[in-house]
PDB file of N, CA and C in Angstrom:
ATOM      1  N   MET A   1       0.768  -1.245  -0.230  1.00  0.00           N
ATOM      2  CA  MET A   1       0.112  -0.189  -0.046  1.00  0.00           C
ATOM      3  C   MET A   1       0.942   1.276   0.065  1.00  0.00           C
ATOM      4  N   SER A   2       0.683   2.374  -1.330  1.00  0.00           N
ATOM      5  CA  SER A   2       1.640   3.226  -1.152  1.00  0.00           C
ATOM      6  C   SER A   2       0.534   4.567  -0.443  1.00  0.00           C
ATOM      7  N   VAL A   3       1.291   5.044   0.858  1.00  0.00           N
ATOM      8  CA  VAL A   3       0.775   6.349   1.429  1.00  0.00           C
ATOM      9  C   VAL A   3       1.175   7.639   0.794  1.00  0.00           C
ATOM     10  N   LYS A   4       0.545   8.346   1.213  1.00  0.00           N
ATOM     11  CA  LYS A   4       0.666   9.604   0.592  1.00  0.00           C
ATOM     12  C   LYS A   4       0.285  10.604   2.231  1.00  0.00           C
ATOM     13  N   ILE A   5       0.686  11.623   2.029  1.00  0.00           N
ATOM     14  CA  ILE A   5       0.182  12.814   3.017  1.00  0.00           C
ATOM     15  C   ILE A   5      -0.215  14.356   2.412  1.00  0.00           C
ATOM     16  N   ARG A   6      -1.655  13.960   1.965  1.00  0.00           N
ATOM     17  CA  ARG A   6      -2.003  15.445   1.261  1.00  0.00           C
ATOM     18  C   ARG A   6      -2.957  15.764   1.552  1.00  0.00           C
ATOM     19  N   LEU A   7      -3.843  16.709   1.204  1.00  0.00           N
ATOM     20  CA  LEU A   7      -4.960  17.406   1.871  1.00  0.00           C
ATOM     21  C   LEU A   7      -6.022  16.911   1.281  1.00  0.00           C
ATOM     22  N   SER A   8      -7.089  17.160   2.231  1.00  0.00           N
ATOM     23  CA  SER A   8      -8.559  16.811   1.827  1.00  0.00           C
ATOM     24  C   SER A   8      -9.339  17.810   2.646  1.00  0.00           C
ATOM     25  N   ARG A   9     -10.323  17.933   1.337  1.00  0.00           N
ATOM     26  CA  ARG A   9     -11.267  19.406   1.871  1.00  0.00           C
ATOM     27  C   ARG A   9     -12.358  18.998   2.938  1.00  0.00           C
ATOM     28  N   ILE A  10     -12.666  19.615   3.753  1.00  0.00           N
ATOM     29  CA  ILE A  10     -13.878  19.601   4.569  1.00  0.00           C
ATOM     30  C   ILE A  10     -14.697  21.011   4.938  1.00  0.00           C
ATOM     31  N   GLY A  11     -14.175  22.391   3.979  1.00  0.00           N
ATOM     32  CA  GLY A  11     -15.003  23.366   3.731  1.00  0.00           C
ATOM     33  C   GLY A  11     -16.135  22.872   3.064  1.00  0.00           C
ATOM     34  N   LYS A  12     -17.269  24.232   3.329  1.00  0.00           N
ATOM     35  CA  LYS A  12     -18.184  24.569   2.605  1.00  0.00           C
ATOM     36  C   LYS A  12     -18.300  24.965   1.229  1.00  0.00           C
ATOM     37  N   LYS A  13     -19.326  25.800   0.455  1.00  0.00           N
ATOM     38  CA  LYS A  13     -19.169  26.005  -0.887  1.00  0.00           C
ATOM     39  C   LYS A  13     -18.555  27.301  -0.576  1.00  0.00           C
ATOM     40  N   ASN A  14     -17.413  27.645  -1.385  1.00  0.00           N
ATOM     41  CA  ASN A  14     -16.786  29.063  -1.314  1.00  0.00           C
ATOM     42  C   ASN A  14     -16.268  29.304   0.029  1.00  0.00           C
ATOM     43  N   ARG A  15     -16.025  28.097   0.719  1.00  0.00           N
ATOM     44  CA  ARG A  15     -15.432  28.173   1.770  1.00  0.00           C
ATOM     45  C   ARG A  15     -14.396  26.916   2.332  1.00  0.00           C
ATOM     46  N   PRO A  16     -13.264  27.434   1.696  1.00  0.00           N
ATOM     47  CA  PRO A  16     -12.724  26.150   1.722  1.00  0.00           C
ATOM     48  C   PRO A  16     -11.667  25.683   2.923  1.00  0.00           C
ATOM     49  N   TYR A  17     -11.545  24.667   3.699  1.00  0.00           N
ATOM     50  CA  TYR A  17     -10.793  24.331   4.876  1.00  0.00           C
ATOM     51  C   TYR A  17     -10.452  23.094   4.343  1.00  0.00           C
ATOM     52  N   TRP A  18      -9.481  22.744   5.083  1.00  0.00           N
ATOM     53  CA  TRP A  18      -8.383  21.648   4.412  1.00  0.00           C
ATOM     54  C   TRP A  18      -7.664  20.887   5.862  1.00  0.00           C
ATOM     55  N   ARG A  19      -7.970  19.479   5.581  1.00  0.00           N
ATOM     56  CA  ARG A  19      -7.531  18.352   6.585  1.00  0.00           C
ATOM     57  C   ARG A  19      -6.125  17.889   5.888  1.00  0.00           C
ATOM     58  N   VAL A  20      -5.034  17.999   6.709  1.00  0.00           N
ATOM     59  CA  VAL A  20      -3.837  17.370   6.117  1.00  0.00           C
ATOM     60  C   VAL A  20      -4.169  15.768   6.930  1.00  0.00           C
ATOM     61  N   VAL A  21      -4.146  15.000   5.590  1.00  0.00           N
ATOM     62  CA  VAL A  21      -4.174  13.299   6.085  1.00  0.00           C
ATOM     63  C   VAL A  21      -3.149  12.631   5.558  1.00  0.00           C
ATOM     64  N   ALA A  22      -3.042  11.299   6.100  1.00  0.00           N
ATOM     65  CA  ALA A  22      -2.255  10.659   5.700  1.00  0.00           C
ATOM     66  C   ALA A  22      -3.504   9.348   5.012  1.00  0.00           C
ATOM     67  N   VAL A  23      -3.257   9.168   3.690  1.00  0.00           N
ATOM     68  CA  VAL A  23      -4.086   7.921   2.864  1.00  0.00           C
ATOM     69  C   VAL A  23      -3.382   6.907   1.908  1.00  0.00           C
ATOM     70  N   ASP A  24      -4.221   6.251   1.433  1.00  0.00           N
ATOM     71  CA  ASP A  24      -3.498   5.182   0.513  1.00  0.00           C
ATOM     72  C   ASP A  24      -4.015   6.182  -0.435  1.00  0.00           C
ATOM     73  N   SER A  25      -2.806   6.300  -1.684  1.00  0.00           N
ATOM     74  CA  SER A  25      -2.758   7.085  -2.839  1.00  0.00           C
ATOM     75  C   SER A  25      -4.036   6.633  -3.655  1.00  0.00           C
ATOM     76  N   ARG A  26      -4.531   5.464  -3.784  1.00  0.00           N
ATOM     77  CA  ARG A  26      -5.449   4.902  -4.407  1.00  0.00           C
ATOM     78  C   ARG A  26      -6.998   5.711  -4.127  1.00  0.00           C
ATOM     79  N   LYS A  27      -7.203   6.203  -3.008  1.00  0.00           N
ATOM     80  CA  LYS A  27      -8.300   6.814  -2.479  1.00  0.00           C
ATOM     81  C   LYS A  27      -8.843   7.874  -3.168  1.00  0.00           C
ATOM     82  N   LYS A  28     -10.059   8.445  -3.098  1.00  0.00           N
ATOM     83  CA  LYS A  28     -10.546   9.791  -3.706  1.00  0.00           C
ATOM     84  C   LYS A  28      -9.727  10.716  -2.568  1.00  0.00           C
ATOM     85  N   ARG A  29      -9.819  11.914  -3.194  1.00  0.00           N
ATOM     86  CA  ARG A  29      -9.463  13.085  -2.614  1.00  0.00           C
ATOM     87  C   ARG A  29     -10.209  13.334  -1.209  1.00  0.00           C
ATOM     88  N   ASP A  30     -11.254  13.015  -0.970  1.00  0.00           N
ATOM     89  CA  ASP A  30     -12.014  13.595  -0.136  1.00  0.00           C
ATOM     90  C   ASP A  30     -12.646  12.258   0.658  1.00  0.00           C
ATOM     91  N   GLY A  31     -12.223  10.977   0.377  1.00  0.00           N
ATOM     92  CA  GLY A  31     -12.292   9.415   1.054  1.00  0.00           C
ATOM     93  C   GLY A  31     -11.864   9.443   1.856  1.00  0.00           C
ATOM     94  N   ALA A  32     -11.924   8.168   2.683  1.00  0.00           N
ATOM     95  CA  ALA A  32     -11.137   7.513   4.097  1.00  0.00           C
ATOM     96  C   ALA A  32      -9.875   7.776   4.005  1.00  0.00           C
ATOM     97  N   TYR A  33      -9.258   8.393   5.085  1.00  0.00           N
ATOM     98  CA  TYR A  33      -8.262   8.333   5.296  1.00  0.00           C
ATOM     99  C   TYR A  33      -7.480   7.674   6.699  1.00  0.00           C
ATOM    100  N   LEU A  34      -6.251   7.263   6.702  1.00  0.00           N
ATOM    101  CA  LEU A  34      -5.628   6.608   7.574  1.00  0.00           C
ATOM    102  C   LEU A  34      -5.739   7.490   9.238  1.00  0.00           C
ATOM    103  N   ASP A  35      -5.082   8.742   8.811  1.00  0.00           N
ATOM    104  CA  ASP A  35      -4.822   9.588  10.104  1.00  0.00           C
ATOM    105  C   ASP A  35      -4.894  11.259   9.665  1.00  0.00           C
ATOM    106  N   ASN A  36      -5.558  11.371  11.041  1.00  0.00           N
ATOM    107  CA  ASN A  36      -5.331  13.096  10.432  1.00  0.00           C
ATOM    108  C   ASN A  36      -4.287  13.449  10.927  1.00  0.00           C
ATOM    109  N   LEU A  37      -3.668  14.710  10.339  1.00  0.00           N
ATOM    110  CA  LEU A  37      -2.540  15.132  10.718  1.00  0.00           C
ATOM    111  C   LEU A  37      -2.651  16.622  11.234  1.00  0.00           C
ATOM    112  N   GLY A  38      -3.603  17.105  10.805  1.00  0.00           N
ATOM    113  CA  GLY A  38      -3.609  18.920  11.147  1.00  0.00           C
ATOM    114  C   GLY A  38      -4.944  19.336   9.832  1.00  0.00           C
ATOM    115  N   THR A  39      -4.616  20.506  10.456  1.00  0.00           N
ATOM    116  CA  THR A  39      -5.953  21.435   9.400  1.00  0.00           C
ATOM    117  C   THR A  39      -5.047  22.376   8.804  1.00  0.00           C
ATOM    118  N   TYR A  40      -5.701  23.224   7.554  1.00  0.00           N
ATOM    119  CA  TYR A  40      -5.195  24.405   6.966  1.00  0.00           C
ATOM    120  C   TYR A  40      -6.499  25.384   7.152  1.00  0.00           C
ATOM    121  N   ASP A  41      -6.434  26.472   7.136  1.00  0.00           N
ATOM    122  CA  ASP A  41      -7.477  27.331   6.757  1.00  0.00           C
ATOM    123  C   ASP A  41      -6.803  28.356   5.301  1.00  0.00           C
ATOM    124  N   PRO A  42      -7.024  28.305   4.103  1.00  0.00           N
ATOM    125  CA  PRO A  42      -6.699  28.897   3.230  1.00  0.00           C
ATOM    126  C   PRO A  42      -7.056  30.383   3.029  1.00  0.00           C
ATOM    127  N   ILE A  43      -8.436  30.742   3.754  1.00  0.00           N
ATOM    128  CA  ILE A  43      -9.206  31.987   3.709  1.00  0.00           C
ATOM    129  C   ILE A  43      -7.950  32.978   4.860  1.00  0.00           C
ATOM    130  N   LYS A  44      -7.552  32.123   5.494  1.00  0.00           N
ATOM    131  CA  LYS A  44      -6.978  32.918   6.939  1.00  0.00           C
ATOM    132  C   LYS A  44      -5.645  33.161   6.880  1.00  0.00           C
ATOM    133  N   HIS A  45      -5.086  32.411   5.561  1.00  0.00           N
ATOM    134  CA  HIS A  45      -3.564  31.672   5.214  1.00  0.00           C
ATOM    135  C   HIS A  45      -2.786  31.076   6.335  1.00  0.00           C
ATOM    136  N   GLN A  46      -3.505  30.490   7.671  1.00  0.00           N
ATOM    137  CA  GLN A  46      -2.809  29.838   8.720  1.00  0.00           C
ATOM    138  C   GLN A  46      -3.251  28.447   8.731  1.00  0.00           C
ATOM    139  N   VAL A  47      -1.882  27.712   9.515  1.00  0.00           N
ATOM    140  CA  VAL A  47      -2.013  26.306   9.773  1.00  0.00           C
ATOM    141  C   VAL A  47      -2.849  26.549  10.939  1.00  0.00           C
ATOM    142  N   VAL A  48      -4.045  25.539  11.301  1.00  0.00           N
ATOM    143  CA  VAL A  48      -4.423  26.051  12.728  1.00  0.00           C
ATOM    144  C   VAL A  48      -4.164  25.052  13.266  1.00  0.00           C
ATOM    145  N   GLN A  49      -4.074  23.783  12.982  1.00  0.00           N
ATOM    146  CA  GLN A  49      -3.542  22.547  13.939  1.00  0.00           C
ATOM    147  C   GLN A  49      -2.622  21.759  12.934  1.00  0.00           C
ATOM    148  N   PHE A  50      -1.308  21.448  13.520  1.00  0.00           N
ATOM    149  CA  PHE A  50      -0.253  20.322  12.575  1.00  0.00           C
ATOM    150  C   PHE A  50       0.679  19.947  13.971  1.00  0.00           C
ATOM    151  N   HIS A  51       0.500  18.182  13.234  1.00  0.00           N
ATOM    152  CA  HIS A  51       1.258  17.414  14.266  1.00  0.00           C
ATOM    153  C   HIS A  51       2.175  17.018  13.547  1.00  0.00           C
ATOM    154  N   THR A  52       3.279  17.352  13.818  1.00  0.00           N
ATOM    155  CA  THR A  52       4.887  17.261  13.196  1.00  0.00           C
ATOM    156  C   THR A  52       5.084  16.143  13.520  1.00  0.00           C
ATOM    157  N   ASP A  53       4.818  15.477  14.819  1.00  0.00           N
ATOM    158  CA  ASP A  53       5.499  14.115  15.180  1.00  0.00           C
ATOM    159  C   ASP A  53       4.589  13.356  14.489  1.00  0.00           C
ATOM    160  N   LYS A  54       3.338  13.265  14.451  1.00  0.00           N
ATOM    161  CA  LYS A  54       2.317  12.366  13.765  1.00  0.00           C
ATOM    162  C   LYS A  54       2.951  11.877  12.037  1.00  0.00           C
ATOM    163  N   ILE A  55       3.212  13.479  11.716  1.00  0.00           N
ATOM    164  CA  ILE A  55       4.078  13.522  10.164  1.00  0.00           C
ATOM    165  C   ILE A  55       5.428  12.770  10.135  1.00  0.00           C
ATOM    166  N   ALA A  56       6.494  13.425  11.031  1.00  0.00           N
ATOM    167  CA  ALA A  56       7.554  12.708  10.805  1.00  0.00           C
ATOM    168  C   ALA A  56       7.479  11.106  10.987  1.00  0.00           C
ATOM    169  N   THR A  57       6.299  10.493  11.793  1.00  0.00           N
ATOM    170  CA  THR A  57       6.165   9.313  12.150  1.00  0.00           C
ATOM    171  C   THR A  57       5.734   8.591  10.812  1.00  0.00           C
ATOM    172  N   TRP A  58       5.164   9.047   9.997  1.00  0.00           N
ATOM    173  CA  TRP A  58       4.125   8.457   8.704  1.00  0.00           C
ATOM    174  C   TRP A  58       5.384   8.299   7.617  1.00  0.00           C
ATOM    175  N   VAL A  59       6.224   9.643   7.677  1.00  0.00           N
ATOM    176  CA  VAL A  59       7.346   9.717   6.712  1.00  0.00           C
ATOM    177  C   VAL A  59       8.419   8.518   6.789  1.00  0.00           C
ATOM    178  N   ALA A  60       8.479   8.281   8.355  1.00  0.00           N
ATOM    179  CA  ALA A  60       9.735   7.163   8.421  1.00  0.00           C
ATOM    180  C   ALA A  60       8.741   5.860   7.960  1.00  0.00           C
ATOM    181  N   LYS A  61       8.008   5.596   7.826  1.00  0.00           N
ATOM    182  CA  LYS A  61       7.334   4.692   7.615  1.00  0.00           C
ATOM    183  C   LYS A  61       7.210   4.344   6.141  1.00  0.00           C
ATOM    184  N   GLY A  62       7.496   5.635   5.756  1.00  0.00           N
ATOM    185  CA  GLY A  62       7.879   5.634   3.823  1.00  0.00           C
ATOM    186  C   GLY A  62       6.519   6.444   2.770  1.00  0.00           C
ATOM    187  N   ALA A  63       5.569   6.966   3.981  1.00  0.00           N
ATOM    188  CA  ALA A  63       4.938   8.088   3.481  1.00  0.00           C
ATOM    189  C   ALA A  63       5.437   9.230   2.201  1.00  0.00           C
ATOM    190  N   VAL A  64       4.480   9.109   1.584  1.00  0.00           N
ATOM    191  CA  VAL A  64       5.145  10.706   0.942  1.00  0.00           C
ATOM    192  C   VAL A  64       4.253  11.697   0.487  1.00  0.00           C
ATOM    193  N   CYS A  65       4.865  12.925   1.083  1.00  0.00           N
ATOM    194  CA  CYS A  65       4.222  14.260   1.370  1.00  0.00           C
ATOM    195  C   CYS A  65       4.071  14.864  -0.331  1.00  0.00           C
ATOM    196  N   SER A  66       2.768  15.154  -0.695  1.00  0.00           N
ATOM    197  CA  SER A  66       2.424  15.948  -1.816  1.00  0.00           C
ATOM    198  C   SER A  66       3.142  17.414  -1.662  1.00  0.00           C
ATOM    199  N   PRO A  67       3.209  17.741  -2.867  1.00  0.00           N
ATOM    200  CA  PRO A  67       4.132  19.457  -2.757  1.00  0.00           C
ATOM    201  C   PRO A  67       3.388  20.792  -2.388  1.00  0.00           C
ATOM    202  N   THR A  68       1.998  20.629  -1.912  1.00  0.00           N
ATOM    203  CA  THR A  68       1.416  21.395  -1.193  1.00  0.00           C
ATOM    204  C   THR A  68       1.729  20.996   0.250  1.00  0.00           C
ATOM    205  N   VAL A  69       1.422  20.105   0.923  1.00  0.00           N
ATOM    206  CA  VAL A  69       1.992  19.353   2.118  1.00  0.00           C
ATOM    207  C   VAL A  69       3.466  19.817   2.525  1.00  0.00           C
ATOM    208  N   ILE A  70       4.302  19.989   1.789  1.00  0.00           N
ATOM    209  CA  ILE A  70       5.737  20.072   1.493  1.00  0.00           C
ATOM    210  C   ILE A  70       5.891  21.906   1.940  1.00  0.00           C
ATOM    211  N   LYS A  71       5.134  22.333   1.228  1.00  0.00           N
ATOM    212  CA  LYS A  71       5.334  23.705   1.226  1.00  0.00           C
ATOM    213  C   LYS A  71       4.330  24.221   2.620  1.00  0.00           C
ATOM    214  N   LEU A  72       3.506  23.785   3.048  1.00  0.00           N
ATOM    215  CA  LEU A  72       3.035  24.041   4.162  1.00  0.00           C
ATOM    216  C   LEU A  72       3.759  23.845   5.743  1.00  0.00           C
ATOM    217  N   LEU A  73       4.544  22.200   5.491  1.00  0.00           N
ATOM    218  CA  LEU A  73       5.363  22.309   6.221  1.00  0.00           C
ATOM    219  C   LEU A  73       6.258  23.599   6.744  1.00  0.00           C
ATOM    220  N   LYS A  74       7.139  23.872   5.246  1.00  0.00           N
ATOM    221  CA  LYS A  74       8.297  24.832   5.473  1.00  0.00           C
ATOM    222  C   LYS A  74       7.530  26.160   5.980  1.00  0.00           C
ATOM    223  N   THR A  75       6.425  26.590   5.409  1.00  0.00           N
ATOM    224  CA  THR A  75       5.909  27.568   6.202  1.00  0.00           C
ATOM    225  C   THR A  75       5.654  27.562   7.692  1.00  0.00           C
ATOM    226  N   HIS A  76       5.475  26.707   7.894  1.00  0.00           N
ATOM    227  CA  HIS A  76       4.600  26.435   9.344  1.00  0.00           C
ATOM    228  C   HIS A  76       5.997  26.267  10.384  1.00  0.00           C
ATOM    229  N   SER A  77       7.285  25.514   9.921  1.00  0.00           N
ATOM    230  CA  SER A  77       8.341  25.950  10.769  1.00  0.00           C
ATOM    231  C   SER A  77       8.975  26.832  10.606  1.00  0.00           C
ATOM    232  N   GLU A  78       8.943  27.739   9.602  1.00  0.00           N
ATOM    233  CA  GLU A  78       9.483  29.181   9.563  1.00  0.00           C
ATOM    234  C   GLU A  78       8.580  29.817  10.661  1.00  0.00           C
ATOM    235  N   LYS A  79       7.597  29.958  10.647  1.00  0.00           N
ATOM    236  CA  LYS A  79       6.457  30.781  11.461  1.00  0.00           C
ATOM    237  C   LYS A  79       7.067  30.275  13.238  1.00  0.00           C
ATOM    238  N   LYS A  80       7.269  29.149  13.353  1.00  0.00           N
ATOM    239  CA  LYS A  80       7.217  28.424  14.323  1.00  0.00           C
ATOM    240  C   LYS A  80       8.897  28.941  14.830  1.00  0.00           C
ATOM    241  N   VAL A  81       9.957  29.358  14.152  1.00  0.00           N
ATOM    242  CA  VAL A  81      10.968  29.457  14.379  1.00  0.00           C
ATOM    243  C   VAL A  81      11.273  30.802  14.741  1.00  0.00           C
ATOM    244  N   ALA A  82      10.180  31.892  14.102  1.00  0.00           N
ATOM    245  CA  ALA A  82      10.248  33.303  14.102  1.00  0.00           C
ATOM    246  C   ALA A  82       9.211  33.728  15.431  1.00  0.00           C
ATOM    247  N   SER A  83       8.293  32.700  15.793  1.00  0.00           N
ATOM    248  CA  SER A  83       7.845  33.000  17.077  1.00  0.00           C
ATOM    249  C   SER A  83       8.710  32.819  18.528  1.00  0.00           C
ATOM    250  N   ALA A  84       9.372  31.875  18.319  1.00  0.00           N
ATOM    251  CA  ALA A  84      10.680  31.317  19.129  1.00  0.00           C
ATOM    252  C   ALA A  84      11.675  32.414  19.377  1.00  0.00           C
ATOM    253  N   LYS A  85      12.393  33.171  18.411  1.00  0.00           N
ATOM    254  CA  LYS A  85      13.031  34.144  18.839  1.00  0.00           C
ATOM    255  C   LYS A  85      12.528  35.406  19.384  1.00  0.00           C
ATOM    256  N   LYS A  86      11.212  35.561  19.308  1.00  0.00           N
ATOM    257  CA  LYS A  86      10.482  36.649  19.526  1.00  0.00           C
ATOM    258  C   LYS A  86      10.456  36.859  21.244  1.00  0.00           C
TER     259      LYS A  86
END
């Protein structure tokens, strides 16, 4: 089974809200997922919840992150480092 870490939409019409999930690559975008890894609100451009420890666990098991999730990880880690410096 090939596992990917990607986004799954859970928002309303014209109000997107995304869930970061670990899912079998053969499943639909909004189908059943293996693990919830966080949430992202594109309207406010903020990561609401992000479980970096769970993401690291899935990557260690062989999961592949989508390009969008990689971008969110970089943005989240930069914000985390900037807030720690204050």
